[in-house]
């Protein structure tokens, strides 16, 4: 009986903690409309404003943004919406 109660308590503890299932993800976005050297700063700022984003590296030369984020706080849709709203539509690079 004690073993059953322990198992149930452990399972409920895991289910109650969403951070137990959190994961850090990294995605490379292909970014459109970057035509000048100042554009990457705007793209980077827009992505850093998304809650859960921990790291952003934007390449003007490659027209990409590499974004590391917490998948519990942010998702791909939020990232692409942020850049699109700033005037730089993006999509995951295949």
Protein backbone atom coordinates (compact mmCIF):
# COMPACT_ATOMS: atom_id res chain seq x y z
CA UNK A 1 0.00 0.00 0.00
CA UNK A 2 2.82 2.39 0.86
CA UNK A 3 4.46 1.66 -2.50
CA UNK A 4 1.22 2.54 -4.33
CA UNK A 5 0.86 5.81 -2.45
CA UNK A 6 4.47 6.69 -3.22
CA UNK A 7 3.97 6.01 -6.93
CA UNK A 8 0.80 8.10 -7.05
CA UNK A 9 2.47 10.99 -5.19
CA UNK A 10 5.47 10.89 -7.52
CA UNK A 11 3.28 10.86 -10.64
CA UNK A 12 1.15 13.76 -9.39
CA UNK A 13 4.29 15.70 -8.58
CA UNK A 14 5.57 15.28 -12.12
CA UNK A 15 2.24 16.19 -13.69
CA UNK A 16 1.89 19.25 -11.46
CA UNK A 17 5.22 20.63 -12.58
CA UNK A 18 5.07 21.75 -16.19
CA UNK A 19 8.75 22.68 -16.08
CA UNK A 20 9.51 18.97 -15.81
CA UNK A 21 8.51 18.77 -19.47
CA UNK A 22 10.06 22.06 -20.55
CA UNK A 23 12.75 21.99 -23.14
CA UNK A 24 15.15 24.35 -24.73
CA UNK A 25 14.79 24.44 -28.50
CA UNK A 26 16.80 26.08 -31.24
CA UNK A 27 15.38 27.00 -34.62
CA UNK A 28 16.83 28.70 -37.68
CA UNK A 29 14.47 31.14 -39.35
CA UNK A 30 14.81 32.34 -42.93
CA UNK A 31 14.14 36.08 -42.70
CA UNK A 32 12.88 38.19 -45.60
CA UNK A 33 13.25 41.93 -46.27
CA UNK A 34 16.70 42.38 -44.70
CA UNK A 35 18.28 44.85 -47.13
CA UNK A 36 20.56 46.98 -44.97
CA UNK A 37 23.05 46.54 -42.14
CA UNK A 38 20.56 47.92 -39.57
CA UNK A 39 17.88 45.32 -40.33
CA UNK A 40 19.43 42.53 -38.19
CA UNK A 41 19.20 44.77 -35.10
CA UNK A 42 15.46 45.19 -35.61
CA UNK A 43 14.97 41.46 -36.18
CA UNK A 44 17.04 40.61 -33.11
CA UNK A 45 15.14 43.09 -30.93
CA UNK A 46 11.78 41.76 -32.07
CA UNK A 47 12.76 38.18 -31.25
CA UNK A 48 14.31 39.06 -27.88
CA UNK A 49 11.01 40.67 -26.88
CA UNK A 50 9.24 37.29 -27.10
CA UNK A 51 8.93 35.78 -23.60
CA UNK A 52 11.02 32.61 -23.31
CA UNK A 53 13.65 33.56 -25.89
CA UNK A 54 17.11 33.12 -24.39
CA UNK A 55 19.46 33.68 -27.33
CA UNK A 56 19.27 35.26 -30.79
CA UNK A 57 21.90 35.45 -33.53
CA UNK A 58 20.95 37.20 -36.78
CA UNK A 59 22.99 36.96 -39.97
CA UNK A 60 22.52 39.69 -42.57
CA UNK A 61 24.69 37.76 -45.02
CA UNK A 62 22.66 34.52 -44.75
CA UNK A 63 19.30 36.25 -44.10
CA UNK A 64 18.74 34.00 -41.09
CA UNK A 65 18.04 34.19 -37.38
CA UNK A 66 19.06 31.38 -35.02
CA UNK A 67 16.80 31.49 -31.97
CA UNK A 68 17.06 29.51 -28.74
CA UNK A 69 13.90 29.51 -26.64
CA UNK A 70 12.00 27.74 -23.87
CA UNK A 71 9.25 25.74 -25.57
CA UNK A 72 6.91 26.18 -22.60
CA UNK A 73 6.99 29.99 -22.83
CA UNK A 74 7.36 30.48 -26.60
CA UNK A 75 6.63 28.65 -29.82
CA UNK A 76 7.46 28.91 -33.48
CA UNK A 77 4.29 30.86 -34.21
CA UNK A 78 5.21 33.55 -31.66
CA UNK A 79 8.71 33.86 -33.15
CA UNK A 80 7.53 34.25 -36.74
CA UNK A 81 4.77 36.65 -35.66
CA UNK A 82 7.35 38.84 -33.90
CA UNK A 83 9.53 39.21 -36.98
CA UNK A 84 6.57 39.63 -39.32
CA UNK A 85 5.09 42.37 -37.13
CA UNK A 86 8.48 44.14 -37.27
CA UNK A 87 8.34 44.03 -41.08
CA UNK A 88 10.51 40.96 -41.64
CA UNK A 89 8.42 37.88 -42.47
CA UNK A 90 10.14 34.65 -41.45
CA UNK A 91 9.68 30.92 -41.62
CA UNK A 92 11.67 27.92 -40.42
CA UNK A 93 14.60 27.26 -42.70
CA UNK A 94 14.44 23.78 -44.17
